[in-house]
Amino acid sequence: MSTRIRQASAEDIGLLIGFRKKQLDDEEEHPDRNIDSELQQWFTSVMREGKLYQLILEEDGMPVATGAFLKLDMPPSFFRPEGKILYITNMYTVPSFRCRGYASEILRELKHEAENRGCERLLLSASVWGKNVYERFGFRQSDDWMILNLK
């Protein structure tokens, strides 16, 4: 068994749409409509603008997990004068590949890239299933968000 993590590209959008819909279904947002065209448009837009850094973890060449951060532009604040936030999103692992540490591997790569970009903090909104993974990784609950301070 070999694993590798690679950055997603525009050619992966179909795969990312499938993962996103499965993630939403896991989070009990059961589909009552087809959102493929909206997801296609969103992924295309944020990738083109360089706002999404999406990773895909493959086991023996098969995509089995994914995760990303999204650059959000917020009003400047005292702790974030540049107004930039990196928000962890689209974390998903195929059920039969869970409990192998793949989410943590993706989080390590996202953290490393965030640090390379000079980011001081990562934010996320955790599902019931993901909260323990994020806490073990070092995220702490703060009001509506989980936060990982990098500096």
N, C-alpha and C. Protein backbone atom coordinates (compact mmCIF):
# COMPACT_ATOMS: atom_id res chain seq x y z
N MET A 1 0.84 -1.18 0.00
CA MET A 1 0.00 0.00 0.00
C MET A 1 0.88 1.24 0.00
N SER A 2 0.65 2.14 -0.96
CA SER A 2 1.38 3.40 -0.98
C SER A 2 0.39 4.55 -1.07
N THR A 3 0.73 5.64 -0.40
CA THR A 3 -0.13 6.81 -0.43
C THR A 3 0.68 8.00 -0.93
N ARG A 4 -0.03 8.91 -1.53
CA ARG A 4 0.57 10.18 -1.92
C ARG A 4 -0.50 11.24 -1.84
N ILE A 5 -0.05 12.46 -1.57
CA ILE A 5 -0.94 13.61 -1.53
C ILE A 5 -0.53 14.53 -2.66
N ARG A 6 -1.51 14.99 -3.40
CA ARG A 6 -1.24 15.91 -4.49
C ARG A 6 -2.26 17.05 -4.47
N GLN A 7 -1.87 18.16 -5.06
CA GLN A 7 -2.79 19.29 -5.17
C GLN A 7 -3.78 19.01 -6.29
N ALA A 8 -5.04 19.30 -6.03
CA ALA A 8 -6.08 19.11 -7.03
C ALA A 8 -5.94 20.16 -8.13
N SER A 9 -6.39 19.80 -9.30
CA SER A 9 -6.38 20.72 -10.44
C SER A 9 -7.79 20.78 -11.03
N ALA A 10 -7.95 21.61 -12.04
CA ALA A 10 -9.26 21.74 -12.69
C ALA A 10 -9.75 20.41 -13.23
N GLU A 11 -8.83 19.52 -13.61
CA GLU A 11 -9.23 18.20 -14.13
C GLU A 11 -9.88 17.33 -13.04
N ASP A 12 -9.70 17.70 -11.77
CA ASP A 12 -10.26 16.93 -10.66
C ASP A 12 -11.62 17.42 -10.19
N ILE A 13 -12.16 18.44 -10.83
CA ILE A 13 -13.40 19.03 -10.33
C ILE A 13 -14.53 18.01 -10.24
N GLY A 14 -14.67 17.13 -11.20
CA GLY A 14 -15.72 16.10 -11.13
C GLY A 14 -15.56 15.23 -9.88
N LEU A 15 -14.34 14.83 -9.58
CA LEU A 15 -14.05 14.05 -8.37
C LEU A 15 -14.39 14.86 -7.13
N LEU A 16 -14.00 16.13 -7.10
CA LEU A 16 -14.25 16.98 -5.94
C LEU A 16 -15.75 17.20 -5.71
N ILE A 17 -16.50 17.32 -6.79
CA ILE A 17 -17.96 17.45 -6.68
C ILE A 17 -18.53 16.19 -6.02
N GLY A 18 -18.08 15.03 -6.46
CA GLY A 18 -18.55 13.78 -5.86
C GLY A 18 -18.21 13.68 -4.39
N PHE A 19 -16.97 14.02 -4.03
CA PHE A 19 -16.57 14.00 -2.62
C PHE A 19 -17.41 14.99 -1.80
N ARG A 20 -17.62 16.19 -2.33
CA ARG A 20 -18.38 17.21 -1.60
C ARG A 20 -19.80 16.74 -1.35
N LYS A 21 -20.44 16.15 -2.33
CA LYS A 21 -21.81 15.67 -2.14
C LYS A 21 -21.87 14.54 -1.11
N LYS A 22 -20.87 13.66 -1.11
CA LYS A 22 -20.83 12.59 -0.11
C LYS A 22 -20.60 13.17 1.28
N GLN A 23 -19.75 14.18 1.38
CA GLN A 23 -19.51 14.85 2.66
C GLN A 23 -20.81 15.45 3.19
N LEU A 24 -21.53 16.16 2.34
CA LEU A 24 -22.79 16.76 2.76
C LEU A 24 -23.80 15.70 3.18
N ASP A 25 -23.84 14.59 2.47
CA ASP A 25 -24.74 13.50 2.83
C ASP A 25 -24.37 12.93 4.20
N ASP A 26 -23.05 12.76 4.46
CA ASP A 26 -22.59 12.28 5.77
C ASP A 26 -23.00 13.23 6.88
N GLU A 27 -23.03 14.52 6.58
CA GLU A 27 -23.38 15.53 7.58
C GLU A 27 -24.89 15.72 7.69
N GLU A 28 -25.62 14.78 7.10
CA GLU A 28 -27.08 14.73 7.16
C GLU A 28 -27.74 15.88 6.42
N GLU A 29 -27.07 16.39 5.41
CA GLU A 29 -27.69 17.33 4.49
C GLU A 29 -28.11 16.53 3.27
N HIS A 30 -29.10 15.68 3.45
CA HIS A 30 -29.50 14.77 2.39
C HIS A 30 -30.02 15.55 1.18
N PRO A 31 -29.62 15.11 0.02
CA PRO A 31 -29.94 15.88 -1.18
C PRO A 31 -31.42 15.87 -1.52
N ASP A 32 -31.93 17.05 -1.81
CA ASP A 32 -33.29 17.15 -2.32
C ASP A 32 -33.28 17.86 -3.68
N ARG A 33 -32.07 18.13 -4.16
CA ARG A 33 -31.91 18.74 -5.48
C ARG A 33 -30.52 18.44 -6.01
N ASN A 34 -30.34 18.64 -7.28
CA ASN A 34 -29.05 18.44 -7.91
C ASN A 34 -28.29 19.76 -7.88
N ILE A 35 -27.11 19.76 -7.26
CA ILE A 35 -26.31 20.99 -7.17
C ILE A 35 -25.00 20.86 -7.96
N ASP A 36 -24.95 19.90 -8.87
CA ASP A 36 -23.72 19.68 -9.64
C ASP A 36 -23.27 20.94 -10.38
N SER A 37 -24.19 21.64 -11.04
CA SER A 37 -23.78 22.82 -11.81
C SER A 37 -23.29 23.93 -10.89
N GLU A 38 -23.91 24.09 -9.72
CA GLU A 38 -23.45 25.10 -8.76
C GLU A 38 -22.06 24.75 -8.22
N LEU A 39 -21.85 23.47 -7.92
CA LEU A 39 -20.53 23.05 -7.45
C LEU A 39 -19.48 23.20 -8.55
N GLN A 40 -19.83 22.84 -9.77
CA GLN A 40 -18.91 23.01 -10.90
C GLN A 40 -18.50 24.47 -11.03
N GLN A 41 -19.47 25.35 -10.97
CA GLN A 41 -19.19 26.78 -11.10
C GLN A 41 -18.33 27.27 -9.92
N TRP A 42 -18.65 26.84 -8.71
CA TRP A 42 -17.90 27.28 -7.53
C TRP A 42 -16.45 26.81 -7.59
N PHE A 43 -16.23 25.50 -7.80
CA PHE A 43 -14.86 24.99 -7.87
C PHE A 43 -14.08 25.68 -8.99
N THR A 44 -14.69 25.85 -10.14
CA THR A 44 -14.02 26.50 -11.26
C THR A 44 -13.60 27.91 -10.89
N SER A 45 -14.50 28.63 -10.27
CA SER A 45 -14.24 30.03 -9.90
C SER A 45 -13.14 30.15 -8.85
N VAL A 46 -13.25 29.42 -7.74
CA VAL A 46 -12.26 29.59 -6.66
C VAL A 46 -10.89 29.04 -7.05
N MET A 47 -10.87 28.03 -7.91
CA MET A 47 -9.57 27.53 -8.40
C MET A 47 -8.93 28.56 -9.34
N ARG A 48 -9.71 29.11 -10.23
CA ARG A 48 -9.19 30.10 -11.18
C ARG A 48 -8.66 31.33 -10.44
N GLU A 49 -9.35 31.74 -9.38
CA GLU A 49 -8.95 32.92 -8.60
C GLU A 49 -7.82 32.63 -7.62
N GLY A 50 -7.43 31.35 -7.48
CA GLY A 50 -6.37 31.00 -6.54
C GLY A 50 -6.79 31.06 -5.08
N LYS A 51 -8.10 30.98 -4.82
CA LYS A 51 -8.60 31.05 -3.45
C LYS A 51 -8.69 29.69 -2.77
N LEU A 52 -8.64 28.62 -3.55
CA LEU A 52 -8.79 27.27 -3.00
C LEU A 52 -7.49 26.50 -3.17
N TYR A 53 -7.03 25.94 -2.05
CA TYR A 53 -5.88 25.03 -2.07
C TYR A 53 -6.42 23.68 -1.64
N GLN A 54 -6.72 22.82 -2.61
CA GLN A 54 -7.39 21.53 -2.38
C GLN A 54 -6.38 20.41 -2.59
N LEU A 55 -6.35 19.48 -1.64
CA LEU A 55 -5.47 18.32 -1.72
C LEU A 55 -6.29 17.05 -1.91
N ILE A 56 -5.70 16.08 -2.58
CA ILE A 56 -6.29 14.76 -2.75
C ILE A 56 -5.27 13.73 -2.28
N LEU A 57 -5.70 12.84 -1.39
CA LEU A 57 -4.84 11.75 -0.95
C LEU A 57 -5.26 10.50 -1.72
N GLU A 58 -4.26 9.86 -2.32
CA GLU A 58 -4.50 8.64 -3.08
C GLU A 58 -3.83 7.47 -2.39
N GLU A 59 -4.54 6.36 -2.35
CA GLU A 59 -3.97 5.10 -1.88
C GLU A 59 -3.87 4.19 -3.09
N ASP A 60 -2.66 3.75 -3.39
CA ASP A 60 -2.41 2.91 -4.57
C ASP A 60 -3.07 3.49 -5.83
N GLY A 61 -2.96 4.82 -5.97
CA GLY A 61 -3.46 5.50 -7.15
C GLY A 61 -4.94 5.84 -7.14
N MET A 62 -5.67 5.41 -6.10
CA MET A 62 -7.11 5.67 -6.03
C MET A 62 -7.38 6.83 -5.06
N PRO A 63 -8.08 7.88 -5.49
CA PRO A 63 -8.41 8.99 -4.59
C PRO A 63 -9.34 8.51 -3.47
N VAL A 64 -8.90 8.70 -2.21
CA VAL A 64 -9.70 8.21 -1.08
C VAL A 64 -9.98 9.27 -0.02
N ALA A 65 -9.32 10.43 -0.10
CA ALA A 65 -9.54 11.48 0.89
C ALA A 65 -9.19 12.83 0.28
N THR A 66 -9.76 13.85 0.83
CA THR A 66 -9.51 15.20 0.34
C THR A 66 -9.68 16.21 1.47
N GLY A 67 -9.14 17.37 1.27
CA GLY A 67 -9.28 18.47 2.22
C GLY A 67 -8.70 19.72 1.59
N ALA A 68 -9.11 20.88 2.08
CA ALA A 68 -8.70 22.13 1.46
C ALA A 68 -8.71 23.26 2.47
N PHE A 69 -8.07 24.35 2.06
CA PHE A 69 -8.37 25.61 2.72
C PHE A 69 -8.77 26.62 1.66
N LEU A 70 -9.64 27.51 2.09
CA LEU A 70 -10.19 28.54 1.25
C LEU A 70 -9.76 29.88 1.81
N LYS A 71 -9.19 30.73 0.96
CA LYS A 71 -8.81 32.07 1.40
C LYS A 71 -10.06 32.93 1.43
N LEU A 72 -10.35 33.46 2.61
CA LEU A 72 -11.49 34.36 2.77
C LEU A 72 -10.98 35.78 2.99
N ASP A 73 -11.62 36.73 2.37
CA ASP A 73 -11.29 38.13 2.59
C ASP A 73 -12.28 38.69 3.60
N MET A 74 -11.74 39.14 4.73
CA MET A 74 -12.56 39.68 5.81
C MET A 74 -12.10 41.12 6.07
N PRO A 75 -12.91 41.88 6.77
CA PRO A 75 -12.45 43.21 7.14
C PRO A 75 -11.23 43.08 8.06
N PRO A 76 -10.26 43.98 7.95
CA PRO A 76 -9.10 43.92 8.84
C PRO A 76 -9.51 44.00 10.31
N SER A 77 -8.73 43.33 11.14
CA SER A 77 -8.96 43.39 12.59
C SER A 77 -7.60 43.51 13.26
N PHE A 78 -7.59 43.68 14.59
CA PHE A 78 -6.33 43.86 15.31
C PHE A 78 -5.42 42.64 15.19
N PHE A 79 -6.00 41.43 15.24
CA PHE A 79 -5.16 40.24 15.15
C PHE A 79 -4.94 39.80 13.70
N ARG A 80 -5.66 40.44 12.76
CA ARG A 80 -5.57 40.07 11.35
C ARG A 80 -5.67 41.33 10.49
N PRO A 81 -4.66 42.22 10.57
CA PRO A 81 -4.77 43.50 9.87
C PRO A 81 -4.90 43.37 8.35
N GLU A 82 -4.38 42.29 7.78
CA GLU A 82 -4.49 42.11 6.32
C GLU A 82 -5.87 41.59 5.92
N GLY A 83 -6.68 41.14 6.88
CA GLY A 83 -8.04 40.69 6.59
C GLY A 83 -8.15 39.33 5.93
N LYS A 84 -7.08 38.56 5.90
CA LYS A 84 -7.11 37.24 5.23
C LYS A 84 -7.27 36.13 6.27
N ILE A 85 -8.15 35.20 5.96
CA ILE A 85 -8.37 34.02 6.80
C ILE A 85 -8.26 32.80 5.91
N LEU A 86 -7.67 31.73 6.44
CA LEU A 86 -7.68 30.45 5.74
C LEU A 86 -8.65 29.55 6.48
N TYR A 87 -9.66 29.12 5.76
CA TYR A 87 -10.75 28.32 6.31
C TYR A 87 -10.64 26.89 5.78
N ILE A 88 -10.50 25.92 6.67
CA ILE A 88 -10.43 24.51 6.30
C ILE A 88 -11.82 24.05 5.87
N THR A 89 -11.87 23.40 4.72
CA THR A 89 -13.16 22.97 4.18
C THR A 89 -12.98 21.70 3.34
N ASN A 90 -14.08 21.13 2.93
CA ASN A 90 -14.09 19.97 2.02
C ASN A 90 -13.29 18.78 2.54
N MET A 91 -13.25 18.59 3.85
CA MET A 91 -12.55 17.43 4.42
C MET A 91 -13.47 16.22 4.27
N TYR A 92 -12.96 15.20 3.58
CA TYR A 92 -13.76 13.99 3.38
C TYR A 92 -12.84 12.81 3.15
N THR A 93 -13.19 11.67 3.76
CA THR A 93 -12.50 10.41 3.52
C THR A 93 -13.54 9.36 3.19
N VAL A 94 -13.29 8.59 2.15
CA VAL A 94 -14.18 7.49 1.78
C VAL A 94 -14.34 6.58 3.01
N PRO A 95 -15.58 6.20 3.37
CA PRO A 95 -15.80 5.46 4.62
C PRO A 95 -14.91 4.24 4.82
N SER A 96 -14.67 3.45 3.81
CA SER A 96 -13.86 2.24 3.99
C SER A 96 -12.37 2.55 4.20
N PHE A 97 -11.97 3.81 4.09
CA PHE A 97 -10.58 4.21 4.28
C PHE A 97 -10.39 5.09 5.52
N ARG A 98 -11.43 5.20 6.33
CA ARG A 98 -11.35 6.02 7.54
C ARG A 98 -10.55 5.31 8.63
N CYS A 99 -10.13 6.05 9.61
CA CYS A 99 -9.35 5.55 10.76
C CYS A 99 -7.97 5.06 10.34
N ARG A 100 -7.42 5.63 9.29
CA ARG A 100 -6.06 5.30 8.84
C ARG A 100 -5.13 6.51 8.97
N GLY A 101 -5.67 7.60 9.53
CA GLY A 101 -4.85 8.81 9.71
C GLY A 101 -4.78 9.70 8.49
N TYR A 102 -5.61 9.44 7.49
CA TYR A 102 -5.54 10.22 6.25
C TYR A 102 -5.97 11.67 6.45
N ALA A 103 -6.99 11.90 7.26
CA ALA A 103 -7.41 13.29 7.52
C ALA A 103 -6.28 14.06 8.19
N SER A 104 -5.58 13.41 9.13
CA SER A 104 -4.45 14.07 9.79
C SER A 104 -3.31 14.35 8.82
N GLU A 105 -3.07 13.44 7.89
CA GLU A 105 -2.03 13.68 6.87
C GLU A 105 -2.38 14.90 6.03
N ILE A 106 -3.63 15.00 5.63
CA ILE A 106 -4.06 16.16 4.84
C ILE A 106 -3.95 17.43 5.67
N LEU A 107 -4.38 17.38 6.93
CA LEU A 107 -4.28 18.56 7.80
C LEU A 107 -2.83 19.01 7.97
N ARG A 108 -1.90 18.06 8.11
CA ARG A 108 -0.47 18.42 8.22
C ARG A 108 0.00 19.17 6.98
N GLU A 109 -0.40 18.69 5.81
CA GLU A 109 0.00 19.35 4.57
C GLU A 109 -0.64 20.73 4.44
N LEU A 110 -1.91 20.85 4.84
CA LEU A 110 -2.58 22.15 4.79
C LEU A 110 -1.92 23.13 5.77
N LYS A 111 -1.60 22.65 6.96
CA LYS A 111 -0.93 23.50 7.95
C LYS A 111 0.42 23.97 7.42
N HIS A 112 1.19 23.06 6.84
CA HIS A 112 2.49 23.41 6.30
C HIS A 112 2.36 24.49 5.22
N GLU A 113 1.41 24.33 4.31
CA GLU A 113 1.20 25.32 3.26
C GLU A 113 0.74 26.65 3.84
N ALA A 114 -0.13 26.60 4.84
CA ALA A 114 -0.59 27.84 5.48
C ALA A 114 0.58 28.58 6.13
N GLU A 115 1.45 27.83 6.80
CA GLU A 115 2.64 28.45 7.42
C GLU A 115 3.54 29.06 6.35
N ASN A 116 3.72 28.36 5.23
CA ASN A 116 4.54 28.89 4.13
C ASN A 116 3.97 30.19 3.58
N ARG A 117 2.66 30.34 3.68
CA ARG A 117 2.00 31.55 3.19
C ARG A 117 1.94 32.65 4.25
N GLY A 118 2.52 32.38 5.43
CA GLY A 118 2.54 33.38 6.49
C GLY A 118 1.26 33.49 7.28
N CYS A 119 0.42 32.50 7.18
CA CYS A 119 -0.85 32.51 7.92
C CYS A 119 -0.59 32.27 9.41
N GLU A 120 -1.32 32.97 10.24
CA GLU A 120 -1.17 32.82 11.69
C GLU A 120 -2.24 31.93 12.31
N ARG A 121 -3.31 31.66 11.58
CA ARG A 121 -4.43 30.94 12.19
C ARG A 121 -5.26 30.26 11.11
N LEU A 122 -5.73 29.06 11.43
CA LEU A 122 -6.66 28.32 10.58
C LEU A 122 -7.99 28.21 11.31
N LEU A 123 -9.07 28.32 10.57
CA LEU A 123 -10.42 28.18 11.13
C LEU A 123 -11.13 27.04 10.44
N LEU A 124 -12.08 26.44 11.16
CA LEU A 124 -12.96 25.46 10.54
C LEU A 124 -14.23 25.33 11.35
N SER A 125 -15.21 24.77 10.72
CA SER A 125 -16.46 24.41 11.38
C SER A 125 -16.54 22.89 11.32
N ALA A 126 -16.50 22.25 12.46
CA ALA A 126 -16.38 20.78 12.50
C ALA A 126 -17.73 20.08 12.52
N SER A 127 -17.79 18.98 11.78
CA SER A 127 -18.94 18.09 11.90
C SER A 127 -18.78 17.28 13.18
N VAL A 128 -19.82 16.60 13.56
CA VAL A 128 -19.77 15.73 14.75
C VAL A 128 -18.67 14.69 14.58
N TRP A 129 -18.53 14.15 13.37
CA TRP A 129 -17.55 13.08 13.12
C TRP A 129 -16.11 13.59 13.08
N GLY A 130 -15.93 14.84 12.66
CA GLY A 130 -14.58 15.35 12.51
C GLY A 130 -14.00 16.03 13.74
N LYS A 131 -14.85 16.39 14.69
CA LYS A 131 -14.40 17.21 15.82
C LYS A 131 -13.23 16.57 16.58
N ASN A 132 -13.30 15.28 16.85
CA ASN A 132 -12.21 14.62 17.58
C ASN A 132 -10.89 14.65 16.81
N VAL A 133 -10.96 14.46 15.49
CA VAL A 133 -9.76 14.51 14.65
C VAL A 133 -9.12 15.89 14.79
N TYR A 134 -9.93 16.93 14.69
CA TYR A 134 -9.40 18.30 14.75
C TYR A 134 -8.85 18.62 16.13
N GLU A 135 -9.52 18.17 17.17
CA GLU A 135 -9.01 18.42 18.53
C GLU A 135 -7.67 17.72 18.74
N ARG A 136 -7.55 16.47 18.29
CA ARG A 136 -6.27 15.77 18.41
C ARG A 136 -5.16 16.49 17.64
N PHE A 137 -5.53 17.14 16.56
CA PHE A 137 -4.57 17.86 15.74
C PHE A 137 -4.14 19.19 16.39
N GLY A 138 -4.94 19.68 17.33
CA GLY A 138 -4.58 20.92 18.03
C GLY A 138 -5.59 22.04 17.90
N PHE A 139 -6.64 21.85 17.11
CA PHE A 139 -7.69 22.87 17.02
C PHE A 139 -8.42 22.96 18.35
N ARG A 140 -8.84 24.16 18.69
CA ARG A 140 -9.60 24.40 19.92
C ARG A 140 -10.90 25.10 19.58
N GLN A 141 -11.96 24.72 20.29
CA GLN A 141 -13.27 25.32 20.07
C GLN A 141 -13.26 26.76 20.57
N SER A 142 -13.80 27.66 19.78
CA SER A 142 -13.93 29.07 20.15
C SER A 142 -15.22 29.58 19.55
N ASP A 143 -16.21 29.76 20.37
CA ASP A 143 -17.53 30.18 19.90
C ASP A 143 -18.01 29.25 18.78
N ASP A 144 -18.22 29.78 17.59
CA ASP A 144 -18.76 28.99 16.48
C ASP A 144 -17.71 28.25 15.68
N TRP A 145 -16.42 28.53 15.91
CA TRP A 145 -15.34 27.99 15.11
C TRP A 145 -14.40 27.13 15.93
N MET A 146 -13.66 26.30 15.23
CA MET A 146 -12.49 25.66 15.83
C MET A 146 -11.30 26.38 15.24
N ILE A 147 -10.30 26.70 16.08
CA ILE A 147 -9.17 27.52 15.68
C ILE A 147 -7.87 26.79 15.97
N LEU A 148 -6.94 26.89 15.03
CA LEU A 148 -5.58 26.40 15.25
C LEU A 148 -4.64 27.60 15.06
N ASN A 149 -3.99 28.02 16.14
CA ASN A 149 -3.02 29.10 16.06
C ASN A 149 -1.70 28.52 15.58
N LEU A 150 -1.11 29.13 14.57
CA LEU A 150 0.11 28.63 13.97
C LEU A 150 1.35 29.33 14.52
N LYS A 151 1.18 30.48 15.13
CA LYS A 151 2.34 31.22 15.68
C LYS A 151 2.14 31.46 17.15
